[in-house]
Every structure is written in structure tokens, then in C-alpha cells.
Amino acid sequence: MKATIVTVGDEILIGQIVDTNSSFIAKSLDKIGIGVYEMLSITDDKQHILSTLSSLQNTVDVVIVTGGLGPTKDDITKKTFCDYFDDTLVVDEKVLAHVTQLIEGFFKRPITQINKDQALVPSRCEVLFNQVGTAPGMWMEKENTVFISLPGVPFEMKHLIENAVIPKLITKFERPYIVHKTILTYGVGESLLAERIEHWEDNLPEFIKLAYLPSPGRVRLRLSARGADENSLHEGIREQIEKLQLIISDCIVGFDDGETIEVVLGKLLSEKKMTIATAESCTGGKIASVITSVPGSSSYFKGSVVSYATEVKETVLGVPSAVIEKHSVVSAPVAEAMALQAQKIFNADYAIATTGNAGPDKGESEAEIGTVFIAVATPKGVFSEEFNFGQPREKVIDRAVIKGLEIIYKEITKNL
């Protein structure tokens, strides 16, 4: 089973909007065993759309097109569908009644001909009724390929995918099972990680594939299994993860895409009824932002001081000016003092502090650009580590955030 996702719209091609539809559709198809062969973004041009549909005919099993179903003249997907299938547009009375109710009943204005034209559909299509919008979806088949046209508005597209498209695809096709499991690792780069697990990777069963998904400070390892027996796929992946944990248990912090370091850390703090605070300089409050992005974080996050300026480190956090003068504002003693003061101010079990030169200039310290000190105050004391995250500025900040969360997570788990 193979599918191609096609987004229609110049606004995507010029970068005016970001295509989130393709990602949602791909995940939805993957869950029911339909793999995405490719994703295409094409312009609002009749010949381009026609040639795209023609090139996909009998190449893939399913083509899902989003966009171009609006009421304005630049929305041409519906008419182009008619041309491709040598069909004509007719009024769908159910859609017309729905559009009329929306315009006259909800928006309280007279319906126009442009609004009524939303109810026009190819005569031979199966209408996918759009309960949350005016543009219906369309399901048409030609030889060995199913063509599905959906509105480009994300919440309308999602409604139709979940309530119309996926149920119909499940009924129409016999599909293999696809099982994914993602292992979240921190603190080891992609190349070093690959070296450590090379033997394990080389001996994976043929039905299980491994993918490396690196990002600053972390690498996700995705195991994918495909086959006819869902239980055996789950069992096969479980066995491989058990073997993997014996090799890299020191850098595994969680499983599945939703288990980011901040989520895992939050679960740990909640379970142990512990609290945390931050004192941030070069990261500008981003550690606090990441921690509080997790629902329920109010139960363990106490607060933050963003002491970007040196005077704030002194007046708000209470870092002694003598420490700053002796060691400079970017130093281990200052980072440790910041962490201890945050722990005290917020009465928290743990506190993270950062101070560094993110660039592009050195600022008030002579430390090299990219240098960051991360300190952690614990119930037993305080410690710090020095890093150089290089450049550019954004990379320094992002890596400092991830490394800070990694350090605090490992410190807490070490003491359990």
C-alpha cells in the first residue's frame, strides 16, 4: 500500500504558510498500514494539477490532494478534478442545505451564488460531507488508484481524514500492520551512538528497520516493523529494545515521540513529589519555558529568575559582586551561586542555572563565544559543568537548554 500526498497552493510554495496538513495525513495513513510514497506541493495551475494526477495514476494506491476547494476564482482543484475524470459539476442538495444553514443561520447574511457554488461536485464522485466547513471532500477512483480531494483548511481537513477518509480506506483495502517505537536518547551524538549500537543494528530482524532522527542535544531512534501479525511485530520490537537497553541504558531517557526530556523530567518530579526552579542568563528563560510547556508542570515548577543583566544577578538573585568581579560573570562560581540562590528563593528541591556567551559578541566576559556554564543545586549541594557549544547563537542557546535538562534528569535519577 502506497500513498502520495499533494498540497495545492502558491501560498505554500512561496513560504507564506507552512504545510502542516501533509504531516497529519501521513501519520494518519501510517497508523492504518498505508505508507506514504512521496509528498508534493504544486502550484495553483490547471495543467500542473492535471499532469500531477496523471503521473500518479496507477503508480500509487491512494492520492490525497488538499487545497483549492474554496469559493474564489483561484481555487481550481474541483474543476480540474472534473476535467481529469471527464465529468461535470452538479449540485449536491445535502451540501447546499448545509452551506445555506451556515451562511444564513450562523453568519446571519444572505447566501450568494459563490457560496452556493460550494455545493457543486463532480457527478460521479462520492461526497465526503464536511460538517465543519462549506467545502466537501471528494472521493473518486480511476483504474487502480483512489483520488481524494480535501479542503486545505487544517481543521476541516483533519475532520474529514478522521471521520470519512480513514474509515473508508480501512473498509476498502486489506493493509499490513505498521508498528513504530521511538527511543529517546540524550547526551551522545549520532555518530558515537551509531558506533555503540552497530553490532545490535546489524543483527536486527529483516522485518524491523532502524532510523536515526538527530536534533541538537538528542537523537531519537525509531524502530519500524511491518507485517501481517500485529502481535508478533510488537513482540519483535520489544525484544530488540530490551537488547538495546543493555548497551545504551546510560543515555536512554524515554520512549515514543511524545516523551521529550521535559516530559520525562516532569513525570519524574511529579512521581517523587519534588520541585524545581531556574535562574537563567544566556538562555533567557527558555529552560523555564520548555519545562512549563508540559501540562501539569505547575505541580513541580516553582519559578524562574531571568537574570540577563549582571546587576540583576546581584540585586535580584543576590549573587555577591565580589564573586562576579573575581571570576567574571561567565564562570562556574557565578553559575553555582545563581543555582543556590534560585533554590533558596523559590524553596525548591532542585534548581538549574545558566550563564554564558551565546554571541555574537563576548559582552561583559572574556570567555570564548559559545561557552556556557550550567549549574545544578540539589538537596545535597551544588555542582557545575562547562561547555562550548560553538556557534551560531541559536545553536548555543538550544544546546544549553537541552543539556541543562539532561543534567538535572540524570542527577535526580542517580540519587533515586
Protein backbone atom coordinates (compact mmCIF):
# COMPACT_ATOMS: atom_id res chain seq x y z
CA MET A 1 0.00 0.00 0.00
CA LYS A 2 1.45 3.31 -1.13
CA ALA A 3 0.04 6.83 -0.98
CA THR A 4 1.06 10.23 -2.28
CA ILE A 5 0.02 13.46 -0.59
CA VAL A 6 -0.36 16.53 -2.81
CA THR A 7 -0.81 20.05 -1.47
CA VAL A 8 -2.10 22.65 -3.93
CA GLY A 9 -1.39 26.33 -3.34
CA ASP A 10 1.06 29.04 -4.28
CA GLU A 11 0.97 30.24 -0.67
CA ILE A 12 2.89 27.11 0.34
CA LEU A 13 5.43 27.38 -2.46
CA ILE A 14 6.35 30.97 -1.62
CA GLY A 15 6.64 30.20 2.09
CA GLN A 16 3.64 32.28 3.12
CA ILE A 17 2.17 29.37 5.10
CA VAL A 18 3.69 26.15 6.43
CA ASP A 19 2.27 22.85 5.21
CA THR A 20 1.13 21.03 8.35
CA ASN A 21 -1.55 19.05 6.50
CA SER A 22 0.87 16.59 4.95
CA SER A 23 2.36 15.65 8.30
CA PHE A 24 -1.06 14.98 9.83
CA ILE A 25 -2.24 12.94 6.84
CA ALA A 26 0.98 10.91 6.74
CA LYS A 27 0.69 9.99 10.42
CA SER A 28 -2.97 9.04 9.96
CA LEU A 29 -2.20 6.80 6.99
CA ASP A 30 0.77 5.19 8.71
CA LYS A 31 -1.43 4.15 11.64
CA ILE A 32 -3.57 2.02 9.32
CA GLY A 33 -0.70 0.47 7.40
CA ILE A 34 -0.57 2.75 4.35
CA GLY A 35 2.92 4.07 3.70
CA VAL A 36 3.46 7.49 2.17
CA TYR A 37 5.48 7.19 -1.03
CA GLU A 38 6.02 10.92 -1.50
CA MET A 39 4.72 14.39 -0.60
CA LEU A 40 4.30 17.00 -3.32
CA SER A 41 3.50 20.71 -3.22
CA ILE A 42 2.31 22.16 -6.51
CA THR A 43 1.11 25.48 -7.84
CA ASP A 44 -2.49 26.57 -8.49
CA ASP A 45 -2.24 25.77 -12.18
CA LYS A 46 -4.68 23.58 -14.08
CA GLN A 47 -2.13 21.86 -16.31
CA HIS A 48 0.22 21.28 -13.41
CA ILE A 49 -2.53 19.64 -11.38
CA LEU A 50 -3.63 17.51 -14.35
CA SER A 51 -0.10 16.33 -15.11
CA THR A 52 0.47 15.51 -11.44
CA LEU A 53 -2.70 13.41 -11.24
CA SER A 54 -1.78 11.66 -14.47
CA SER A 55 1.75 10.85 -13.29
CA LEU A 56 0.38 9.30 -10.10
CA GLN A 57 -2.28 7.23 -11.86
CA ASN A 58 -1.55 3.51 -11.20
CA THR A 59 1.76 4.46 -9.55
CA VAL A 60 0.31 4.56 -6.03
CA ASP A 61 -2.86 3.18 -4.47
CA VAL A 62 -4.09 6.42 -2.91
CA VAL A 63 -3.64 10.09 -3.81
CA ILE A 64 -4.81 12.66 -1.26
CA VAL A 65 -4.98 16.25 -2.51
CA THR A 66 -5.52 19.18 -0.15
CA GLY A 67 -6.31 22.76 -1.09
CA GLY A 68 -8.01 24.62 -3.90
CA LEU A 69 -11.62 23.90 -2.87
CA GLY A 70 -12.55 27.41 -1.73
CA PRO A 71 -15.17 29.71 -3.31
CA THR A 72 -12.79 32.12 -5.08
CA LYS A 73 -11.53 32.03 -8.67
CA ASP A 74 -8.02 30.92 -7.70
CA ASP A 75 -9.43 27.71 -6.18
CA ILE A 76 -9.46 25.42 -9.19
CA THR A 77 -8.95 21.91 -7.81
CA LYS A 78 -12.62 20.90 -8.06
CA LYS A 79 -12.98 21.95 -11.68
CA THR A 80 -9.67 20.32 -12.55
CA PHE A 81 -10.86 17.07 -10.96
CA CYS A 82 -13.84 17.22 -13.29
CA ASP A 83 -11.56 17.63 -16.30
CA TYR A 84 -9.31 14.76 -15.25
CA PHE A 85 -12.23 12.38 -14.77
CA ASP A 86 -14.13 13.73 -17.81
CA ASP A 87 -17.04 14.63 -15.55
CA THR A 88 -19.37 17.54 -14.95
CA LEU A 89 -20.27 19.50 -11.82
CA VAL A 90 -23.69 19.02 -10.24
CA VAL A 91 -25.34 20.42 -7.13
CA ASP A 92 -25.32 18.19 -4.07
CA GLU A 93 -28.51 19.10 -2.24
CA LYS A 94 -27.26 17.96 1.19
CA VAL A 95 -24.16 20.14 0.88
CA LEU A 96 -26.24 23.08 -0.36
CA ALA A 97 -28.59 22.83 2.62
CA HIS A 98 -25.58 22.72 4.95
CA VAL A 99 -23.90 25.73 3.33
CA THR A 100 -27.16 27.69 3.42
CA GLN A 101 -27.60 26.95 7.11
CA LEU A 102 -24.05 28.08 7.85
CA ILE A 103 -24.30 31.33 5.90
CA GLU A 104 -27.85 32.37 6.73
CA GLY A 105 -28.28 30.66 10.10
CA PHE A 106 -24.86 31.11 11.69
CA PHE A 107 -23.37 34.13 9.91
CA LYS A 108 -26.78 35.84 9.55
CA ARG A 109 -26.33 37.11 6.00
CA PRO A 110 -27.89 36.30 2.63
CA ILE A 111 -26.26 33.43 0.76
CA THR A 112 -24.53 34.39 -2.50
CA GLN A 113 -24.00 32.44 -5.70
CA ILE A 114 -20.35 31.97 -4.78
CA ASN A 115 -21.46 30.32 -1.54
CA LYS A 116 -23.94 28.12 -3.40
CA ASP A 117 -21.20 27.01 -5.78
CA GLN A 118 -19.51 25.29 -2.85
CA ALA A 119 -22.22 22.62 -3.25
CA LEU A 120 -21.06 21.80 -6.79
CA VAL A 121 -19.31 18.42 -7.00
CA PRO A 122 -18.34 16.04 -9.83
CA SER A 123 -21.39 13.93 -10.70
CA ARG A 124 -19.58 10.61 -10.26
CA CYS A 125 -17.70 11.39 -7.05
CA GLU A 126 -18.55 10.12 -3.60
CA VAL A 127 -19.09 13.21 -1.50
CA LEU A 128 -17.24 13.34 1.82
CA PHE A 129 -19.58 15.53 3.84
CA ASN A 130 -17.79 18.37 5.64
CA GLN A 131 -19.67 19.01 8.86
CA VAL A 132 -17.28 21.77 9.99
CA GLY A 133 -16.95 23.80 6.77
CA THR A 134 -18.51 24.61 3.42
CA ALA A 135 -16.19 22.70 1.04
CA PRO A 136 -17.00 18.97 0.81
CA GLY A 137 -14.34 16.36 0.21
CA MET A 138 -14.42 14.20 -2.92
CA TRP A 139 -13.58 10.52 -3.40
CA MET A 140 -13.05 9.30 -6.96
CA GLU A 141 -11.49 6.14 -8.38
CA LYS A 142 -9.74 5.59 -11.69
CA GLU A 143 -8.33 2.20 -12.60
CA ASN A 144 -6.02 1.18 -9.72
CA THR A 145 -5.87 4.49 -7.85
CA VAL A 146 -8.17 6.24 -5.40
CA PHE A 147 -8.10 10.04 -5.66
CA ILE A 148 -9.29 12.02 -2.64
CA SER A 149 -9.65 15.79 -2.61
CA LEU A 150 -9.90 17.62 0.72
CA PRO A 151 -10.10 21.26 1.83
CA GLY A 152 -6.80 22.91 2.71
CA VAL A 153 -8.11 24.47 5.93
CA PRO A 154 -6.37 22.31 8.57
CA PHE A 155 -9.27 21.74 10.98
CA GLU A 156 -11.62 20.87 8.09
CA MET A 157 -9.06 18.51 6.58
CA LYS A 158 -8.48 16.80 9.94
CA HIS A 159 -12.21 16.33 10.47
CA LEU A 160 -12.61 14.63 7.10
CA ILE A 161 -9.49 12.49 7.49
CA GLU A 162 -10.62 11.18 10.88
CA ASN A 163 -14.33 10.80 10.19
CA ALA A 164 -14.55 9.95 6.50
CA VAL A 165 -11.27 9.11 4.77
CA ILE A 166 -9.62 6.73 7.26
CA PRO A 167 -12.78 4.69 7.96
CA LYS A 168 -13.40 4.29 4.22
CA LEU A 169 -9.78 3.31 3.48
CA ILE A 170 -9.92 0.69 6.24
CA THR A 171 -13.04 -0.80 4.70
CA LYS A 172 -11.75 -0.75 1.11
CA PHE A 173 -8.19 -2.09 1.46
CA GLU A 174 -6.52 -5.01 3.16
CA ARG A 175 -3.45 -3.49 4.74
CA PRO A 176 -0.35 -4.70 6.57
CA TYR A 177 0.31 -3.62 10.13
CA ILE A 178 2.96 -0.97 10.74
CA VAL A 179 4.34 -0.62 14.27
CA HIS A 180 6.73 2.14 15.37
CA LYS A 181 8.61 2.61 18.62
CA THR A 182 10.85 5.58 19.28
CA ILE A 183 13.70 5.52 21.78
CA LEU A 184 14.74 8.93 23.09
CA THR A 185 18.45 9.39 23.84
CA TYR A 186 20.34 12.39 25.21
CA GLY A 187 23.99 13.27 25.68
CA VAL A 188 25.52 11.14 22.88
CA GLY A 189 25.94 12.37 19.30
CA GLU A 190 24.58 10.48 16.31
CA SER A 191 27.93 9.10 15.07
CA LEU A 192 29.07 7.91 18.51
CA LEU A 193 25.68 6.38 19.17
CA ALA A 194 25.84 4.54 15.82
CA GLU A 195 29.24 3.11 16.78
CA ARG A 196 27.98 1.87 20.12
CA ILE A 197 24.97 0.06 18.67
CA GLU A 198 26.49 -1.06 15.36
CA HIS A 199 26.50 -4.79 16.20
CA TRP A 200 22.93 -4.63 17.51
CA GLU A 201 21.79 -2.73 14.41
CA ASP A 202 23.48 -5.20 12.05
CA ASN A 203 21.60 -8.07 13.67
CA LEU A 204 18.09 -6.61 13.57
CA PRO A 205 15.47 -8.95 12.05
CA GLU A 206 14.62 -8.20 8.42
CA PHE A 207 11.11 -7.00 9.28
CA ILE A 208 12.46 -4.29 11.65
CA LYS A 209 14.12 -1.14 10.31
CA LEU A 210 16.06 1.48 12.28
CA ALA A 211 16.12 5.22 11.60
CA TYR A 212 18.25 7.89 13.30
CA LEU A 213 16.44 11.19 13.97
CA PRO A 214 19.06 13.63 15.34
CA SER A 215 18.46 17.13 16.69
CA PRO A 216 20.54 19.41 18.94
CA GLY A 217 21.45 17.51 22.10
CA ARG A 218 19.40 14.41 21.39
CA VAL A 219 18.94 11.52 18.97
CA ARG A 220 15.69 9.63 18.52
CA LEU A 221 15.99 6.03 17.36
CA ARG A 222 12.86 4.86 15.55
CA LEU A 223 12.21 1.16 15.14
CA SER A 224 9.62 0.31 12.46
CA ALA A 225 8.17 -3.13 11.89
CA ARG A 226 5.83 -4.14 9.07
CA GLY A 227 3.93 -7.39 8.66
CA ALA A 228 0.66 -9.30 8.80
CA ASP A 229 0.69 -10.23 12.51
CA GLU A 230 0.48 -7.18 14.76
CA ASN A 231 1.28 -9.08 17.97
CA SER A 232 4.48 -10.54 16.56
CA LEU A 233 5.57 -7.08 15.41
CA HIS A 234 5.13 -5.66 18.90
CA GLU A 235 6.92 -8.62 20.42
CA GLY A 236 9.82 -8.34 17.97
CA ILE A 237 10.32 -4.65 18.75
CA ARG A 238 10.05 -5.30 22.50
CA GLU A 239 12.82 -7.91 22.31
CA GLN A 240 15.10 -5.56 20.38
CA ILE A 241 14.55 -2.70 22.83
CA GLU A 242 15.49 -4.99 25.73
CA LYS A 243 18.77 -5.79 23.95
CA LEU A 244 19.36 -2.10 23.19
CA GLN A 245 18.85 -1.07 26.82
CA LEU A 246 21.72 -3.33 27.85
CA ILE A 247 24.01 -1.35 25.51
CA ILE A 248 23.00 2.31 25.95
CA SER A 249 20.96 2.46 29.16
CA ASP A 250 23.06 5.46 30.24
CA CYS A 251 21.62 7.73 27.55
CA ILE A 252 18.04 6.45 27.14
CA VAL A 253 15.57 8.74 28.88
CA GLY A 254 12.24 7.75 27.35
CA PHE A 255 10.22 6.16 24.61
CA ASP A 256 7.91 7.40 21.84
CA ASP A 257 7.81 10.83 20.19
CA GLY A 258 5.81 12.50 22.97
CA GLU A 259 8.36 11.60 25.65
CA THR A 260 10.73 14.53 25.32
CA ILE A 261 13.22 15.22 28.08
CA GLU A 262 10.93 17.85 29.62
CA VAL A 263 8.02 15.38 29.69
CA VAL A 264 10.12 12.61 31.24
CA LEU A 265 11.61 15.05 33.76
CA GLY A 266 8.14 16.29 34.66
CA LYS A 267 6.87 12.75 35.26
CA LEU A 268 9.87 12.04 37.47
CA LEU A 269 9.42 15.20 39.54
CA SER A 270 5.68 14.55 39.92
CA GLU A 271 6.17 10.94 41.00
CA LYS A 272 8.79 11.88 43.57
CA LYS A 273 6.92 15.00 44.71
CA MET A 274 9.98 17.14 44.02
CA THR A 275 10.16 20.73 42.81
CA ILE A 276 12.44 22.68 40.52
CA ALA A 277 13.32 26.31 39.75
CA THR A 278 15.62 28.06 37.28
CA ALA A 279 17.96 31.03 37.20
CA GLU A 280 18.85 31.85 33.61
CA SER A 281 21.15 34.28 31.91
CA CYS A 282 22.25 33.27 28.41
CA THR A 283 19.22 31.01 27.88
CA GLY A 284 16.87 33.92 28.56
CA GLY A 285 14.13 31.94 30.29
CA LYS A 286 13.95 29.21 27.67
CA ILE A 287 14.55 26.40 30.16
CA ALA A 288 11.60 27.62 32.20
CA SER A 289 9.52 27.92 29.03
CA VAL A 290 10.31 24.35 27.99
CA ILE A 291 9.53 22.98 31.45
CA THR A 292 6.22 24.83 31.67
CA SER A 293 5.18 23.71 28.18
CA VAL A 294 4.26 20.38 29.77
CA PRO A 295 0.67 20.20 31.07
CA GLY A 296 0.62 19.84 34.84
CA SER A 297 4.03 21.44 35.34
CA SER A 298 2.57 23.77 37.98
CA SER A 299 2.79 20.86 40.43
CA TYR A 300 6.60 20.80 40.33
CA PHE A 301 7.87 24.05 38.76
CA LYS A 302 8.25 26.84 41.32
CA GLY A 303 9.50 29.77 39.23
CA SER A 304 12.38 31.43 37.43
CA VAL A 305 14.63 34.47 37.53
CA VAL A 306 15.88 35.62 34.12
CA SER A 307 18.95 37.50 35.28
CA TYR A 308 20.18 38.59 31.87
CA ALA A 309 22.00 41.65 33.14
CA THR A 310 24.83 41.41 35.67
CA GLU A 311 23.13 43.87 38.03
CA VAL A 312 20.07 41.57 38.18
CA LYS A 313 22.28 38.68 39.23
CA GLU A 314 23.42 40.86 42.11
CA THR A 315 20.24 42.72 43.12
CA VAL A 316 17.56 40.10 42.49
CA LEU A 317 19.40 36.80 42.86
CA GLY A 318 21.84 38.06 45.44
CA VAL A 319 25.00 36.79 43.79
CA PRO A 320 27.89 38.55 45.62
CA SER A 321 29.53 41.20 43.47
CA ALA A 322 32.91 40.02 44.76
CA VAL A 323 32.32 36.61 43.17
CA ILE A 324 31.48 38.21 39.84
CA GLU A 325 34.49 40.56 39.97
CA LYS A 326 36.88 37.76 40.87
CA HIS A 327 35.69 35.08 38.43
CA SER A 328 33.76 37.09 35.77
CA VAL A 329 30.05 36.83 35.08
CA VAL A 330 30.56 33.74 32.87
CA SER A 331 32.11 31.31 35.29
CA ALA A 332 31.42 28.22 37.38
CA PRO A 333 31.28 30.10 40.73
CA VAL A 334 28.68 32.53 39.37
CA ALA A 335 26.57 29.75 37.86
CA GLU A 336 26.67 27.83 41.14
CA ALA A 337 25.75 30.93 43.15
CA MET A 338 22.83 31.55 40.81
CA ALA A 339 21.56 27.99 41.23
CA LEU A 340 21.83 28.10 45.02
CA GLN A 341 20.03 31.43 45.21
CA ALA A 342 17.21 30.22 42.96
CA GLN A 343 16.86 27.10 45.08
CA LYS A 344 16.62 29.30 48.18
CA ILE A 345 14.32 31.99 46.76
CA PHE A 346 11.78 29.50 45.44
CA ASN A 347 12.23 26.92 48.18
CA ALA A 348 12.77 24.25 45.52
CA ASP A 349 14.40 20.84 45.78
CA TYR A 350 16.43 21.45 42.64
CA ALA A 351 17.49 24.49 40.63
CA ILE A 352 19.23 24.91 37.27
CA ALA A 353 21.30 27.97 36.38
CA THR A 354 22.97 29.07 33.15
CA THR A 355 25.46 31.78 32.36
CA GLY A 356 27.46 32.07 29.17
CA ASN A 357 28.47 33.87 25.99
CA ALA A 358 25.94 32.89 23.32
CA GLY A 359 27.33 35.52 20.93
CA PRO A 360 27.70 37.17 18.56
CA ASP A 361 29.84 39.37 20.88
CA LYS A 362 31.59 38.47 24.14
CA GLY A 363 29.67 41.02 26.20
CA GLU A 364 30.87 41.53 29.77
CA SER A 365 33.08 38.42 29.92
CA GLU A 366 36.27 37.35 28.20
CA ALA A 367 35.07 33.75 27.94
CA GLU A 368 35.07 32.39 24.42
CA ILE A 369 31.85 32.76 22.42
CA GLY A 370 29.85 29.55 22.79
CA THR A 371 31.00 28.99 26.38
CA VAL A 372 28.20 28.12 28.80
CA PHE A 373 28.34 27.14 32.48
CA ILE A 374 25.40 25.08 33.72
CA ALA A 375 24.97 24.63 37.46
CA VAL A 376 22.57 22.41 39.39
CA ALA A 377 21.67 22.91 43.03
CA THR A 378 20.46 19.73 44.73
CA PRO A 379 19.36 18.88 48.28
CA LYS A 380 22.94 17.70 48.88
CA GLY A 381 24.88 20.60 47.36
CA VAL A 382 25.72 22.27 44.07
CA PHE A 383 27.91 21.45 41.07
CA SER A 384 28.54 22.91 37.61
CA GLU A 385 29.84 21.90 34.21
CA GLU A 386 31.49 23.95 31.46
CA PHE A 387 30.61 23.53 27.77
CA ASN A 388 31.44 25.17 24.48
CA PHE A 389 28.52 24.82 22.11
CA GLY A 390 30.18 26.68 19.23
CA GLN A 391 28.05 28.95 17.07
CA PRO A 392 25.64 30.31 15.90
CA ARG A 393 23.84 31.95 18.80
CA GLU A 394 20.61 29.94 18.35
CA LYS A 395 22.53 26.67 18.49
CA VAL A 396 24.29 27.69 21.71
CA ILE A 397 21.02 28.54 23.43
CA ASP A 398 19.16 25.42 22.26
CA ARG A 399 22.00 23.11 23.25
CA ALA A 400 22.34 24.76 26.64
CA VAL A 401 18.62 24.23 27.29
CA ILE A 402 18.73 20.56 26.32
CA LYS A 403 21.97 19.92 28.22
CA GLY A 404 20.61 21.60 31.35
CA LEU A 405 17.52 19.39 31.34
CA GLU A 406 19.65 16.32 30.64
CA ILE A 407 21.98 17.08 33.57
CA ILE A 408 19.16 17.63 36.05
CA TYR A 409 17.36 14.48 34.89
CA LYS A 410 20.45 12.32 35.30
CA GLU A 411 21.23 13.89 38.68
CA ILE A 412 17.77 13.11 40.03
CA THR A 413 17.71 9.53 38.69
CA LYS A 414 21.22 8.93 40.05
CA ASN A 415 20.05 9.66 43.56
CA LEU A 416 16.88 7.54 43.48
